[in-house]
Amino acid sequence: MTPHFTAIPTDEFIAYQAGAPDAYGLAPETRLSPGGGYPCRHCLGFIEEGEPYLTLAYRPFPSLQPYAETGPIFLHAKPCPRYDASEVLPPMLESPDYIVRGYGADDRIVYGTGAVTPTSAIVDRAQELFADPAIAYVHVRSARNNCYQCRIERG
């Protein structure tokens, strides 16, 4: 089984670009990228220096509940293609490690699944987690700030 890395849905991306409110009901903020590590959660690449980008509060869960973590993400302010090389580690994942954590079909953390994982071991860790039928999907989050990076689904 090959895990599939998925970006935020294009319809959400387009809505945020048009000023749709974020998870806190606020309009996304527009800024210019200083470069060096602003990952777009739609193309899963980096926002280049001088490019406009959006900062917004994102909740990658369908509804509010105690485990529906919300946090800041960045998006290109201009159109970009949604990441589609889903079986390949996204280019924005260049930190030495990330939190890799499993969630159940009820969108709640499956306890005991979260682990700081070396970037080179993310695919293997996701495969281990998907061996458990209780795991519906996996999040990749920043090991430093817990920010949502992308989702991994069963291949």
Protein backbone atom coordinates (compact mmCIF):
# COMPACT_ATOMS: atom_id res chain seq x y z
CA MET A 1 0.00 0.00 0.00
CA THR A 2 1.31 3.42 -0.99
CA PRO A 3 0.10 6.32 1.15
CA HIS A 4 -1.39 9.26 -0.76
CA PHE A 5 -0.51 12.80 0.30
CA THR A 6 -3.39 15.22 -0.19
CA ALA A 7 -3.58 19.02 -0.11
CA ILE A 8 -6.52 21.14 0.95
CA PRO A 9 -9.39 20.92 -1.56
CA THR A 10 -9.31 23.35 -4.47
CA ASP A 11 -12.82 24.66 -3.74
CA GLU A 12 -11.66 25.73 -0.25
CA PHE A 13 -8.50 27.28 -1.70
CA ILE A 14 -10.49 29.33 -4.23
CA ALA A 15 -12.95 30.42 -1.54
CA TYR A 16 -10.13 31.67 0.71
CA GLN A 17 -8.57 33.54 -2.21
CA ALA A 18 -11.94 35.24 -2.71
CA GLY A 19 -11.98 36.32 0.95
CA ALA A 20 -14.10 33.57 2.51
CA PRO A 21 -13.85 33.57 6.30
CA ASP A 22 -11.40 31.21 7.97
CA ALA A 23 -12.09 28.85 10.88
CA TYR A 24 -12.38 31.87 13.21
CA GLY A 25 -14.71 33.82 10.92
CA LEU A 26 -11.98 36.23 9.80
CA ALA A 27 -10.90 37.12 6.28
CA PRO A 28 -7.49 35.71 5.32
CA GLU A 29 -4.62 38.16 5.75
CA THR A 30 -2.57 38.99 2.65
CA ARG A 31 1.17 39.52 2.96
CA LEU A 32 4.32 39.33 0.84
CA SER A 33 6.53 36.33 1.37
CA PRO A 34 10.01 36.98 2.73
CA GLY A 35 10.91 33.55 1.30
CA GLY A 36 12.50 30.73 3.20
CA GLY A 37 9.83 28.36 4.42
CA TYR A 38 6.28 29.51 3.74
CA PRO A 39 4.58 26.33 2.49
CA CYS A 40 1.33 26.55 0.51
CA ARG A 41 -1.13 23.90 1.69
CA HIS A 42 -2.72 23.70 -1.78
CA CYS A 43 0.24 23.06 -4.11
CA LEU A 44 2.39 21.73 -1.22
CA GLY A 45 5.29 23.77 -2.54
CA PHE A 46 6.89 26.93 -1.19
CA ILE A 47 5.72 30.50 -1.63
CA GLU A 48 8.64 32.32 -3.21
CA GLU A 49 10.15 35.54 -1.91
CA GLY A 50 8.06 38.56 -2.92
CA GLU A 51 4.96 36.54 -3.79
CA PRO A 52 1.69 37.48 -2.10
CA TYR A 53 0.30 34.85 0.24
CA LEU A 54 -2.62 34.34 2.59
CA THR A 55 -2.43 33.51 6.28
CA LEU A 56 -5.56 32.07 7.84
CA ALA A 57 -6.84 29.83 10.61
CA TYR A 58 -7.57 26.38 9.20
CA ARG A 59 -9.47 23.48 10.70
CA PRO A 60 -8.97 20.33 8.56
CA PHE A 61 -12.03 18.63 10.03
CA PRO A 62 -15.65 18.64 8.84
CA SER A 63 -17.18 19.86 12.10
CA LEU A 64 -16.40 21.30 15.50
CA GLN A 65 -15.55 18.79 18.20
CA PRO A 66 -12.89 18.60 20.91
CA TYR A 67 -10.24 17.07 18.61
CA ALA A 68 -10.78 19.47 15.70
CA GLU A 69 -7.45 21.27 15.92
CA THR A 70 -7.29 24.73 14.35
CA GLY A 71 -4.15 26.58 13.44
CA PRO A 72 -2.47 28.91 10.97
CA ILE A 73 -1.68 27.92 7.40
CA PHE A 74 -0.31 29.71 4.35
CA LEU A 75 -1.71 29.68 0.81
CA HIS A 76 -0.61 31.30 -2.42
CA ALA A 77 -2.69 34.44 -2.97
CA LYS A 78 -2.68 33.70 -6.70
CA PRO A 79 -3.87 30.48 -8.38
CA CYS A 80 -1.62 27.44 -8.12
CA PRO A 81 -2.29 23.82 -9.09
CA ARG A 82 -3.39 21.42 -6.36
CA TYR A 83 -0.69 18.91 -5.47
CA ASP A 84 -1.30 15.79 -7.53
CA ALA A 85 1.83 13.63 -7.19
CA SER A 86 0.05 12.08 -4.23
CA GLU A 87 2.31 9.04 -3.86
CA VAL A 88 5.42 11.24 -3.57
CA LEU A 89 6.56 13.07 -0.46
CA PRO A 90 5.52 16.72 -1.03
CA PRO A 91 8.40 19.13 -1.72
CA MET A 92 7.43 21.40 1.20
CA LEU A 93 8.26 18.66 3.71
CA GLU A 94 11.89 19.59 4.16
CA SER A 95 12.19 19.96 7.93
CA PRO A 96 14.15 17.19 9.66
CA ASP A 97 11.00 15.76 11.27
CA TYR A 98 7.23 16.10 11.62
CA ILE A 99 4.45 14.88 13.87
CA VAL A 100 2.64 12.03 12.13
CA ARG A 101 -0.66 11.15 13.79
CA GLY A 102 -3.61 8.89 12.99
CA TYR A 103 -7.30 9.79 13.14
CA GLY A 104 -10.37 7.58 13.19
CA ALA A 105 -13.44 7.76 10.96
CA ASP A 106 -14.98 9.95 13.68
CA ASP A 107 -12.23 12.56 13.03
CA ARG A 108 -10.72 12.10 16.47
CA ILE A 109 -7.12 11.33 17.35
CA VAL A 110 -6.44 7.62 17.77
CA TYR A 111 -4.44 7.69 21.00
CA GLY A 112 -0.92 6.37 20.87
CA THR A 113 -0.47 7.07 17.16
CA GLY A 114 1.22 10.46 17.29
CA ALA A 115 4.99 10.47 16.98
CA VAL A 116 7.71 12.89 15.95
CA THR A 117 8.96 11.17 12.82
CA PRO A 118 12.04 11.83 10.69
CA THR A 119 10.96 13.17 7.30
CA SER A 120 12.61 10.25 5.54
CA ALA A 121 10.43 7.85 7.58
CA ILE A 122 7.01 9.51 7.03
CA VAL A 123 5.89 7.02 4.37
CA ASP A 124 6.93 4.04 6.50
CA ARG A 125 5.20 5.50 9.56
CA ALA A 126 1.99 6.10 7.60
CA GLN A 127 2.08 2.51 6.32
CA GLU A 128 2.48 1.26 9.91
CA LEU A 129 -0.48 3.35 11.03
CA PHE A 130 -2.68 2.18 8.16
CA ALA A 131 -2.09 -1.43 9.23
CA ASP A 132 -4.51 -0.58 12.05
CA PRO A 133 -8.10 -0.60 10.70
CA ALA A 134 -9.03 2.05 13.29
CA ILE A 135 -6.95 4.60 11.34
CA ALA A 136 -9.00 6.38 8.67
CA TYR A 137 -6.38 8.97 7.73
CA VAL A 138 -3.16 10.55 8.95
CA HIS A 139 -2.06 14.15 9.45
CA VAL A 140 1.44 15.47 8.95
CA ARG A 141 2.01 18.39 11.32
CA SER A 142 4.94 20.58 12.22
CA ALA A 143 7.05 19.04 14.98
CA ARG A 144 7.85 22.53 16.26
CA ASN A 145 4.48 24.30 16.15
CA ASN A 146 1.93 21.53 15.44
CA CYS A 147 0.75 23.38 12.29
CA TYR A 148 -1.19 21.26 9.81
CA GLN A 149 0.90 20.41 6.73
CA CYS A 150 -1.09 17.87 4.75
CA ARG A 151 -3.20 14.74 5.01
CA ILE A 152 -2.24 11.19 4.10
CA GLU A 153 -4.87 8.74 2.90
CA ARG A 154 -4.75 5.03 2.21
CA GLY A 155 -3.41 4.20 -1.23
